[in-house]
Amino acid sequence: MREGHPIERTVGMEYYVSDADGVGGHLRASPEDFRVTELESFDTAPVDADTGGYPHLVCRVELRNWDTNDFASALSDRLGVSRERVSWAGTKDKRAVTRQLFSVKGIEPAALPDLDGADIEVVGRAGRPILFGDLAGNGFEIVVRDTDAPENAASVVADLREFAGEESADDSADGGATVAVPNYFGQQRFGSRRPVTHEVGLAIVREQWKEAVLAYVGNPHEREPEDTQAARAYVDETEDWAGALDRLPRALGFERSMCHKLVENSEARSASNQSSERGPRDSGLTPEDFREAVETLPTNLQTLFVNAGQSYVFNRILSERLERGLPFDRPVEGDVVCFADSDAPGDLPLPDTDRIQRVTGKRLPTVERHCERGRAFVTAPLVGTGTELADGEPGEIAREVLADVGLEPGDFALPGEFDSEGTRRAIQVRTELGVSRDGDDLTFDFALPKGSYATVLLREFRKNDPAA
């Protein structure tokens, strides 16, 4: 076990489980080097089905170099409909070629526009929108270019086979191998360039609305362009929201919308108080004003903030489990396991987090066998109002992490899109991995269940800056 990259440690990914040296190299030299295809599990009716019963048009879209949220906005703009009428199952990486399903409520196929970098194919209609998680998983074909030591891939595979609990660790990286990694939330969950979404989410859960705005609009990061850093620093120094609008680049549309709302609220407060003597930091803004600023953002982004806070806590719990040397492929007494989803594809076992069981000393041998056969998975909490923490040492870990971030499950009883009941998530993800080499380039082929991150597997091989 090795210490993770510094920027990964800021989001709770403290360790690599592989002791082998990394291969280095670069991700996403071109979008075609990162191909993602949804493994679909969403049923549709024919496209000519009655629109009264099936109002949602379902499309399979291949995107090149598109952020999912940006594509949804562009599509809704061109259709002249609310962005809330566009839905999808999972957010994908921008610098990639992705194939995924979208649904749009209340439109006909002929209305679909041509958008650069998007190939839209109508597949049918549905009675409800596609929702987050409405897929089995994703297939990946990813090329890591210009690696420094491609020969190290075989040793990493051997380490990851051992972490999966495989009895024989094949020294060859060619062909297929069953490997496993901790089911961390990947860097992009928190912002690939500026990992702050969890900071915003944690502030929201604490109902520190001003701090949430400052974490998102201010809070400069060294990876950003200099003009962006300067604008964010100005926000931190002055809290001058009108001045921020003069400085924030146009591309930062979400940040600007928050500032617009704060300027609007500040002017309204000043007018009602008949005072123009206030400075930027004495605007009379209330916590409710700052909450309204956050609520100018798309609802899925509001939810994402809280989810990122939960994800950070989850990553911290996994890192602490690693540090204590507890297993990931089998439970210890006190753990909570979930069982496999009986409706999932046979070659892609999925955890069913609605079917859970606490592991007592008496049940431990039986549950260990279920985990060994892929029928059950050890879990950790994505903390929310409905969370019941584990017993024993796993419960102790979760309580210590929550105490360190200053939260408890009841704090997630929040207004609107910010409320979360929480759930549980498998702590380990397994896959059949193929690795092929062409000179200094390595190609990785694998599939992951929904919610798991390809970059979390690849970080074990690269062991370098995730932005490289």
Protein backbone atom coordinates (compact mmCIF):
# COMPACT_ATOMS: atom_id res chain seq x y z
CA MET A 1 0.00 0.00 0.00
CA ARG A 2 1.40 3.40 -1.05
CA GLU A 3 0.44 6.99 -0.32
CA GLY A 4 -1.76 8.59 -2.98
CA HIS A 5 -1.02 11.67 -5.05
CA PRO A 6 -1.44 14.90 -3.03
CA ILE A 7 -4.45 16.16 -5.00
CA GLU A 8 -6.15 12.77 -4.61
CA ARG A 9 -5.58 12.91 -0.87
CA THR A 10 -7.54 16.18 -0.70
CA VAL A 11 -10.66 14.23 -1.74
CA GLY A 12 -10.10 11.32 0.62
CA MET A 13 -8.20 8.90 -1.63
CA GLU A 14 -5.26 8.48 0.70
CA TYR A 15 -3.69 5.33 -0.74
CA TYR A 16 -2.96 3.10 -3.70
CA VAL A 17 -3.47 -0.56 -2.86
CA SER A 18 -0.80 -1.62 -5.34
CA ASP A 19 2.79 -1.44 -4.10
CA ALA A 20 4.21 -1.75 -7.62
CA ASP A 21 5.69 1.29 -9.34
CA GLY A 22 3.39 3.01 -11.81
CA VAL A 23 3.56 3.21 -15.59
CA GLY A 24 3.07 7.00 -15.75
CA GLY A 25 1.71 8.26 -19.04
CA HIS A 26 -1.07 10.58 -20.15
CA LEU A 27 -4.84 10.21 -20.24
CA ARG A 28 -7.05 11.76 -22.91
CA ALA A 29 -4.38 12.77 -25.39
CA SER A 30 -7.44 12.89 -27.64
CA PRO A 31 -11.13 12.26 -26.87
CA GLU A 32 -10.92 9.01 -28.84
CA ASP A 33 -8.46 7.66 -26.25
CA PHE A 34 -11.23 7.57 -23.63
CA ARG A 35 -14.26 5.66 -24.91
CA VAL A 36 -17.25 5.00 -22.67
CA THR A 37 -20.35 3.03 -23.63
CA GLU A 38 -23.32 2.70 -21.32
CA LEU A 39 -24.47 -0.83 -20.58
CA GLU A 40 -28.15 -0.04 -20.83
CA SER A 41 -30.97 -1.32 -18.66
CA PHE A 42 -33.80 1.04 -19.63
CA ASP A 43 -36.81 -0.28 -21.54
CA THR A 44 -38.45 1.80 -24.25
CA ALA A 45 -41.64 1.64 -26.28
CA PRO A 46 -41.61 2.15 -30.08
CA VAL A 47 -41.05 5.69 -31.25
CA ASP A 48 -44.60 5.86 -32.65
CA ALA A 49 -46.14 4.97 -29.26
CA ASP A 50 -48.89 7.23 -27.93
CA THR A 51 -47.29 10.41 -26.64
CA GLY A 52 -49.96 10.68 -23.97
CA GLY A 53 -48.72 7.56 -22.27
CA TYR A 54 -45.12 7.86 -23.44
CA PRO A 55 -44.22 11.56 -23.46
CA HIS A 56 -40.44 11.13 -23.20
CA LEU A 57 -38.44 10.71 -26.40
CA VAL A 58 -35.41 8.48 -25.74
CA CYS A 59 -32.22 8.95 -27.75
CA ARG A 60 -28.86 7.23 -27.82
CA VAL A 61 -26.26 9.97 -28.17
CA GLU A 62 -22.59 9.67 -29.06
CA LEU A 63 -20.75 12.72 -27.76
CA ARG A 64 -17.23 13.80 -28.57
CA ASN A 65 -15.61 16.26 -26.17
CA TRP A 66 -18.92 17.30 -24.58
CA ASP A 67 -19.60 17.87 -20.89
CA THR A 68 -22.89 16.12 -20.12
CA ASN A 69 -24.45 19.15 -18.43
CA ASP A 70 -23.31 21.45 -21.26
CA PHE A 71 -24.81 19.12 -23.87
CA ALA A 72 -28.12 19.01 -21.99
CA SER A 73 -28.16 22.81 -21.88
CA ALA A 74 -27.30 23.14 -25.57
CA LEU A 75 -29.94 20.59 -26.54
CA SER A 76 -32.66 22.29 -24.50
CA ASP A 77 -31.68 25.72 -25.88
CA ARG A 78 -31.89 24.52 -29.47
CA LEU A 79 -35.23 22.81 -28.78
CA GLY A 80 -36.57 25.85 -26.97
CA VAL A 81 -37.56 23.83 -23.90
CA SER A 82 -36.66 23.91 -20.21
CA ARG A 83 -33.41 22.20 -19.36
CA GLU A 84 -35.31 20.27 -16.69
CA ARG A 85 -37.03 18.33 -19.50
CA VAL A 86 -33.71 16.75 -20.52
CA SER A 87 -32.64 13.74 -18.45
CA TRP A 88 -29.88 11.15 -18.51
CA ALA A 89 -28.65 8.22 -16.44
CA GLY A 90 -25.06 9.14 -15.64
CA THR A 91 -22.68 12.05 -16.08
CA LYS A 92 -19.70 11.22 -18.28
CA ASP A 93 -16.23 12.68 -18.73
CA LYS A 94 -15.97 15.61 -21.10
CA ARG A 95 -12.75 14.78 -22.93
CA ALA A 96 -13.99 11.46 -24.21
CA VAL A 97 -16.15 9.73 -26.77
CA THR A 98 -19.26 8.57 -24.93
CA ARG A 99 -22.41 6.70 -25.90
CA GLN A 100 -25.34 7.16 -23.55
CA LEU A 101 -29.11 7.54 -23.34
CA PHE A 102 -30.96 10.85 -22.96
CA SER A 103 -34.68 11.49 -22.70
CA VAL A 104 -36.50 14.70 -23.59
CA LYS A 105 -40.08 15.31 -22.60
CA GLY A 106 -42.66 16.52 -25.09
CA ILE A 107 -40.78 16.69 -28.39
CA GLU A 108 -40.99 14.90 -31.73
CA PRO A 109 -38.00 13.24 -33.44
CA ALA A 110 -38.06 15.78 -36.27
CA ALA A 111 -37.36 18.57 -33.78
CA LEU A 112 -33.98 17.16 -32.77
CA PRO A 113 -31.21 19.57 -33.82
CA ASP A 114 -27.79 18.97 -35.34
CA LEU A 115 -25.08 19.75 -32.80
CA ASP A 116 -21.36 19.61 -33.52
CA GLY A 117 -19.71 16.65 -31.86
CA ALA A 118 -23.03 14.90 -31.19
CA ASP A 119 -24.59 11.99 -33.07
CA ILE A 120 -28.22 11.60 -31.95
CA GLU A 121 -30.16 8.40 -32.66
CA VAL A 122 -33.81 8.02 -31.64
CA VAL A 123 -34.44 4.67 -29.96
CA GLY A 124 -38.01 4.95 -28.67
CA ARG A 125 -40.33 6.51 -26.11
CA ALA A 126 -40.82 6.09 -22.37
CA GLY A 127 -43.48 6.82 -19.82
CA ARG A 128 -40.98 8.43 -17.48
CA PRO A 129 -37.67 10.24 -17.85
CA ILE A 130 -34.37 8.45 -17.67
CA LEU A 131 -33.11 8.91 -14.13
CA PHE A 132 -29.69 8.89 -12.55
CA GLY A 133 -28.62 5.28 -12.17
CA ASP A 134 -30.89 3.93 -14.93
CA LEU A 135 -28.10 1.79 -16.36
CA ALA A 136 -26.26 -1.36 -15.42
CA GLY A 137 -22.78 0.03 -15.88
CA ASN A 138 -20.27 1.27 -18.41
CA GLY A 139 -17.82 -0.37 -20.77
CA PHE A 140 -14.45 1.31 -21.23
CA GLU A 141 -11.67 1.30 -23.79
CA ILE A 142 -8.97 3.65 -22.58
CA VAL A 143 -5.52 4.36 -24.01
CA VAL A 144 -2.75 5.67 -21.75
CA ARG A 145 -0.19 7.33 -24.01
CA ASP A 146 3.57 7.72 -23.68
CA THR A 147 4.01 5.70 -20.52
CA ASP A 148 7.37 5.86 -18.78
CA ALA A 149 7.50 2.23 -17.72
CA PRO A 150 4.85 0.13 -19.49
CA GLU A 151 6.51 -3.04 -18.23
CA ASN A 152 5.25 -2.19 -14.71
CA ALA A 153 1.66 -2.94 -15.75
CA ALA A 154 2.12 -6.67 -15.11
CA SER A 155 3.18 -6.10 -11.50
CA VAL A 156 0.23 -3.77 -10.89
CA VAL A 157 -2.15 -6.40 -12.30
CA ALA A 158 -0.66 -8.97 -9.91
CA ASP A 159 -1.19 -6.65 -6.94
CA LEU A 160 -4.79 -5.91 -7.95
CA ARG A 161 -5.50 -9.61 -8.39
CA GLU A 162 -4.28 -10.18 -4.87
CA PHE A 163 -6.52 -7.34 -3.61
CA ALA A 164 -9.42 -9.09 -5.38
CA GLY A 165 -8.71 -12.21 -3.36
CA GLU A 166 -7.57 -14.21 -6.38
CA GLU A 167 -5.45 -17.17 -5.34
CA SER A 168 -3.01 -16.99 -8.25
CA ALA A 169 -1.58 -13.64 -9.26
CA ASP A 170 -0.57 -13.94 -12.92
CA ASP A 171 2.57 -11.92 -13.71
CA SER A 172 1.39 -11.13 -17.24
CA ALA A 173 -0.56 -7.98 -18.07
CA ASP A 174 -1.75 -9.45 -21.37
CA GLY A 175 -5.09 -11.17 -21.69
CA GLY A 176 -7.83 -10.98 -19.07
CA ALA A 177 -7.48 -10.98 -15.30
CA THR A 178 -9.90 -10.50 -12.41
CA VAL A 179 -8.74 -7.44 -10.51
CA ALA A 180 -10.19 -5.21 -7.81
CA VAL A 181 -9.67 -1.75 -6.34
CA PRO A 182 -11.29 0.23 -3.52
CA ASN A 183 -14.56 1.63 -4.83
CA TYR A 184 -13.44 5.22 -4.31
CA PHE A 185 -15.29 8.11 -5.89
CA GLY A 186 -12.93 9.40 -8.57
CA GLN A 187 -11.35 12.81 -8.89
CA GLN A 188 -13.95 14.07 -11.38
CA ARG A 189 -16.65 13.67 -8.72
CA PHE A 190 -15.06 16.62 -6.93
CA GLY A 191 -13.83 18.64 -9.93
CA SER A 192 -10.93 17.39 -12.02
CA ARG A 193 -9.20 20.77 -12.23
CA ARG A 194 -10.46 22.36 -9.01
CA PRO A 195 -11.64 19.72 -6.51
CA VAL A 196 -14.09 21.78 -4.44
CA THR A 197 -17.57 20.34 -4.92
CA HIS A 198 -17.27 18.39 -1.67
CA GLU A 199 -16.29 21.59 0.16
CA VAL A 200 -19.45 23.23 -1.17
CA GLY A 201 -21.51 20.19 -0.20
CA LEU A 202 -20.14 19.97 3.33
CA ALA A 203 -20.89 23.68 3.86
CA ILE A 204 -24.45 23.14 2.60
CA VAL A 205 -25.01 20.22 4.96
CA ARG A 206 -23.80 22.41 7.82
CA GLU A 207 -26.25 25.07 6.51
CA GLN A 208 -23.35 27.48 6.10
CA TRP A 209 -24.79 29.00 2.93
CA LYS A 210 -22.36 31.90 2.62
CA GLU A 211 -19.41 29.54 3.04
CA ALA A 212 -20.92 27.32 0.33
CA VAL A 213 -21.05 30.26 -2.10
CA LEU A 214 -17.50 31.32 -1.27
CA ALA A 215 -16.23 27.76 -1.70
CA TYR A 216 -17.68 27.69 -5.22
CA VAL A 217 -17.31 31.27 -6.48
CA GLY A 218 -14.12 32.15 -4.61
CA ASN A 219 -11.57 29.57 -3.51
CA PRO A 220 -9.00 29.86 -6.36
CA HIS A 221 -6.92 26.85 -7.36
CA GLU A 222 -3.45 26.85 -8.87
CA ARG A 223 -4.59 24.63 -11.75
CA GLU A 224 -6.92 27.34 -13.08
CA PRO A 225 -6.02 30.12 -15.57
CA GLU A 226 -4.49 33.18 -13.96
CA ASP A 227 -7.46 35.45 -14.72
CA THR A 228 -9.82 32.96 -13.08
CA GLN A 229 -7.59 32.68 -10.03
CA ALA A 230 -7.47 36.47 -9.77
CA ALA A 231 -11.27 36.78 -10.00
CA ARG A 232 -11.82 34.15 -7.35
CA ALA A 233 -9.22 35.74 -5.08
CA TYR A 234 -11.03 39.07 -5.46
CA VAL A 235 -14.23 37.41 -4.28
CA ASP A 236 -12.49 35.98 -1.21
CA GLU A 237 -10.89 39.33 -0.37
CA THR A 238 -13.85 41.65 -0.94
CA GLU A 239 -17.14 39.71 -1.17
CA ASP A 240 -18.01 42.32 -3.78
CA TRP A 241 -20.49 40.40 -5.91
CA ALA A 242 -21.00 43.18 -8.45
CA GLY A 243 -17.25 43.55 -8.84
CA ALA A 244 -16.95 39.79 -9.23
CA LEU A 245 -19.26 39.94 -12.25
CA ASP A 246 -16.80 42.32 -13.91
CA ARG A 247 -13.95 39.92 -13.29
CA LEU A 248 -15.30 36.36 -13.56
CA PRO A 249 -14.78 34.92 -17.08
CA ARG A 250 -17.97 34.43 -19.11
CA ALA A 251 -17.29 30.72 -19.22
CA LEU A 252 -18.00 30.49 -15.47
CA GLY A 253 -21.73 30.74 -16.02
CA PHE A 254 -22.77 29.01 -12.80
CA GLU A 255 -20.58 31.26 -10.66
CA ARG A 256 -21.88 34.32 -12.45
CA SER A 257 -25.51 33.31 -11.92
CA MET A 258 -24.85 33.07 -8.19
CA CYS A 259 -23.28 36.53 -8.18
CA HIS A 260 -26.23 37.97 -10.15
CA LYS A 261 -28.63 36.66 -7.52
CA LEU A 262 -26.54 38.12 -4.69
CA VAL A 263 -26.36 41.52 -6.41
CA GLU A 264 -30.12 41.41 -6.94
CA ASN A 265 -30.74 40.46 -3.30
CA SER A 266 -28.30 43.09 -2.05
CA GLU A 267 -29.99 45.83 -4.05
CA ALA A 268 -33.37 44.73 -2.76
CA ARG A 269 -32.09 44.79 0.82
CA SER A 270 -30.55 48.23 0.35
CA ALA A 271 -33.76 49.63 -1.14
CA SER A 272 -35.87 48.27 1.69
CA ASN A 273 -33.45 49.73 4.23
CA GLN A 274 -33.24 53.02 2.27
CA SER A 275 -29.48 52.95 2.66
CA SER A 276 -26.69 53.22 0.12
CA GLU A 277 -23.88 53.54 2.62
CA ARG A 278 -23.08 49.85 2.82
CA GLY A 279 -19.79 48.45 1.57
CA PRO A 280 -19.50 45.09 -0.23
CA ARG A 281 -19.01 43.17 3.03
CA ASP A 282 -21.88 45.04 4.71
CA SER A 283 -24.52 44.29 2.10
CA GLY A 284 -27.16 43.17 4.56
CA LEU A 285 -27.31 39.76 2.89
CA THR A 286 -28.76 36.97 5.00
CA PRO A 287 -28.12 33.22 4.99
CA GLU A 288 -31.37 32.90 3.03
CA ASP A 289 -29.95 35.19 0.31
CA PHE A 290 -26.91 32.97 -0.03
CA ARG A 291 -29.09 29.87 -0.11
CA GLU A 292 -31.10 31.45 -2.95
CA ALA A 293 -27.84 32.04 -4.81
CA VAL A 294 -26.97 28.35 -4.58
CA GLU A 295 -30.50 27.50 -5.72
CA THR A 296 -30.00 29.41 -8.98
CA LEU A 297 -27.97 26.42 -10.14
CA PRO A 298 -29.54 23.46 -11.99
CA THR A 299 -31.22 21.07 -9.59
CA ASN A 300 -28.92 18.19 -10.52
CA LEU A 301 -25.91 20.33 -9.63
CA GLN A 302 -27.45 21.27 -6.29
CA THR A 303 -27.86 17.57 -5.54
CA LEU A 304 -24.33 16.89 -6.79
CA PHE A 305 -22.85 19.18 -4.16
CA VAL A 306 -24.39 17.21 -1.30
CA ASN A 307 -23.50 13.94 -3.03
CA ALA A 308 -19.88 15.13 -3.30
CA GLY A 309 -19.81 15.80 0.44
CA GLN A 310 -21.13 12.28 1.05
CA SER A 311 -18.57 10.91 -1.41
CA TYR A 312 -15.70 12.61 0.40
CA VAL A 313 -16.79 11.07 3.71
CA PHE A 314 -17.07 7.67 1.98
CA ASN A 315 -13.56 7.97 0.54
CA ARG A 316 -12.22 8.87 3.96
CA ILE A 317 -13.90 5.79 5.46
CA LEU A 318 -12.32 3.53 2.82
CA SER A 319 -8.88 5.06 3.37
CA GLU A 320 -9.15 4.51 7.11
CA ARG A 321 -10.19 0.90 6.52
CA LEU A 322 -7.12 0.43 4.35
CA GLU A 323 -4.88 1.99 6.97
CA ARG A 324 -6.25 -0.37 9.62
CA GLY A 325 -5.64 -3.36 7.36
CA LEU A 326 -9.25 -4.54 7.27
CA PRO A 327 -10.25 -6.67 4.25
CA PHE A 328 -12.32 -5.35 1.36
CA ASP A 329 -13.27 -8.61 -0.36
CA ARG A 330 -14.85 -10.11 2.76
CA PRO A 331 -16.53 -8.76 5.90
CA VAL A 332 -15.43 -8.51 9.48
CA GLU A 333 -17.79 -8.71 12.42
CA GLY A 334 -19.90 -5.55 12.60
CA ASP A 335 -19.88 -4.89 8.85
CA VAL A 336 -23.04 -4.31 6.82
CA VAL A 337 -23.23 -6.25 3.55
CA CYS A 338 -25.66 -5.99 0.67
CA PHE A 339 -26.67 -8.76 -1.68
CA ALA A 340 -26.34 -8.95 -5.46
CA ASP A 341 -29.08 -7.54 -7.66
CA SER A 342 -30.88 -10.55 -9.11
CA ASP A 343 -31.91 -8.55 -12.21
CA ALA A 344 -28.37 -7.45 -13.11
CA PRO A 345 -26.56 -8.87 -16.15
CA GLY A 346 -24.79 -12.09 -15.29
CA ASP A 347 -21.38 -10.80 -16.32
CA LEU A 348 -21.71 -7.57 -14.33
CA PRO A 349 -22.71 -8.26 -10.72
CA LEU A 350 -24.42 -5.24 -9.17
CA PRO A 351 -24.91 -4.58 -5.47
CA ASP A 352 -28.53 -4.16 -4.37
CA THR A 353 -28.19 -1.68 -1.52
CA ASP A 354 -31.87 -2.13 -0.59
CA ARG A 355 -31.06 -5.66 0.59
CA ILE A 356 -28.63 -5.36 3.47
CA GLN A 357 -27.63 -7.46 6.46
CA ARG A 358 -25.51 -6.81 9.52
CA VAL A 359 -22.70 -9.31 10.01
CA THR A 360 -22.66 -10.91 13.44
CA GLY A 361 -20.01 -13.29 14.67
CA LYS A 362 -22.40 -16.18 14.18
CA ARG A 363 -23.19 -15.23 10.58
CA LEU A 364 -19.64 -14.29 9.59
CA PRO A 365 -18.57 -17.61 7.95
CA THR A 366 -21.77 -17.77 5.89
CA VAL A 367 -21.53 -14.17 4.71
CA GLU A 368 -17.85 -14.67 3.84
CA ARG A 369 -18.88 -17.48 1.49
CA HIS A 370 -21.54 -15.26 -0.12
CA CYS A 371 -18.92 -12.56 -0.75
CA GLU A 372 -16.44 -15.10 -2.13
CA ARG A 373 -19.07 -16.25 -4.66
CA GLY A 374 -20.10 -12.74 -5.68
CA ARG A 375 -23.49 -12.96 -3.99
CA ALA A 376 -22.80 -10.26 -1.39
CA PHE A 377 -20.66 -7.14 -1.05
CA VAL A 378 -19.17 -5.38 1.96
CA THR A 379 -20.52 -1.80 2.15
CA ALA A 380 -19.83 1.54 3.78
CA PRO A 381 -22.31 4.39 4.23
CA LEU A 382 -23.06 7.31 1.96
CA VAL A 383 -24.30 9.14 5.00
CA GLY A 384 -27.79 10.65 5.09
CA THR A 385 -30.78 10.97 7.38
CA GLY A 386 -31.63 7.27 7.04
CA THR A 387 -28.12 6.01 7.76
CA GLU A 388 -27.61 3.43 10.47
CA LEU A 389 -23.90 3.02 11.03
CA ALA A 390 -22.22 -0.36 11.26
CA ASP A 391 -21.17 -2.05 14.48
CA GLY A 392 -17.71 -3.01 15.66
CA GLU A 393 -14.60 -1.57 14.05
CA PRO A 394 -16.33 -0.58 10.76
CA GLY A 395 -18.82 1.50 12.73
CA GLU A 396 -16.01 3.02 14.77
CA ILE A 397 -14.29 4.12 11.56
CA ALA A 398 -17.42 5.82 10.21
CA ARG A 399 -18.08 7.62 13.49
CA GLU A 400 -14.51 8.90 13.69
CA VAL A 401 -14.59 10.26 10.13
CA LEU A 402 -17.96 11.95 10.68
CA ALA A 403 -16.72 13.52 13.90
CA ASP A 404 -13.65 14.81 12.08
CA VAL A 405 -15.74 16.60 9.43
CA GLY A 406 -18.23 17.79 12.01
CA LEU A 407 -21.33 15.99 10.72
CA GLU A 408 -23.90 13.45 11.80
CA PRO A 409 -26.65 11.71 9.80
CA GLY A 410 -29.40 14.07 10.96
CA ASP A 411 -27.61 17.04 9.39
CA PHE A 412 -28.75 15.85 5.97
CA ALA A 413 -32.38 16.82 6.70
CA LEU A 414 -32.19 19.84 4.40
CA PRO A 415 -34.56 21.88 2.21
CA GLY A 416 -35.31 21.18 -1.43
CA GLU A 417 -32.73 19.40 -3.57
CA PHE A 418 -30.22 19.26 -0.72
CA ASP A 419 -32.04 16.68 1.41
CA SER A 420 -30.59 13.18 1.38
CA GLU A 421 -31.61 9.95 3.09
CA GLY A 422 -28.27 8.39 2.20
CA THR A 423 -27.58 4.83 1.12
CA ARG A 424 -24.78 2.30 1.23
CA ARG A 425 -22.13 1.52 -1.38
CA ALA A 426 -19.87 -1.47 -1.99
CA ILE A 427 -16.34 -0.78 -0.79
CA GLN A 428 -14.64 -2.86 -3.49
CA VAL A 429 -15.20 -3.04 -7.25
CA ARG A 430 -14.04 -6.00 -9.35
CA THR A 431 -13.69 -6.35 -13.10
CA GLU A 432 -12.22 -8.49 -15.82
CA LEU A 433 -9.35 -6.40 -17.14
CA GLY A 434 -7.53 -6.69 -20.45
CA VAL A 435 -4.30 -4.75 -20.99
CA SER A 436 -2.51 -4.57 -24.33
CA ARG A 437 0.67 -2.76 -25.27
CA ASP A 438 1.68 -0.90 -28.41
CA GLY A 439 5.14 0.54 -27.85
CA ASP A 440 4.82 2.92 -24.91
CA ASP A 441 1.02 3.07 -25.16
CA LEU A 442 -1.22 0.84 -23.07
CA THR A 443 -4.89 0.07 -23.82
CA PHE A 444 -7.21 -0.98 -21.00
CA ASP A 445 -10.50 -2.80 -21.66
CA PHE A 446 -12.95 -3.40 -18.83
CA ALA A 447 -16.49 -2.81 -17.57
CA LEU A 448 -17.63 -1.36 -14.27
CA PRO A 449 -21.01 -1.29 -12.51
CA LYS A 450 -22.85 2.01 -12.41
CA GLY A 451 -21.37 4.55 -10.05
CA SER A 452 -17.82 3.19 -10.20
CA TYR A 453 -14.97 5.15 -11.78
CA ALA A 454 -12.57 4.07 -14.49
CA THR A 455 -10.03 6.60 -13.25
CA VAL A 456 -9.93 4.86 -9.86
CA LEU A 457 -8.72 1.69 -11.58
CA LEU A 458 -6.30 3.55 -13.85
CA ARG A 459 -4.75 5.55 -10.98
CA GLU A 460 -3.35 2.30 -9.63
CA PHE A 461 -1.48 1.83 -12.89
CA ARG A 462 -0.40 5.42 -13.54
CA LYS A 463 0.49 6.60 -10.02
CA ASN A 464 0.98 10.19 -11.19
CA ASP A 465 -0.93 13.46 -11.31
CA PRO A 466 -4.52 12.55 -12.26
CA ALA A 467 -4.58 15.58 -14.59
CA ALA A 468 -1.58 14.32 -16.58
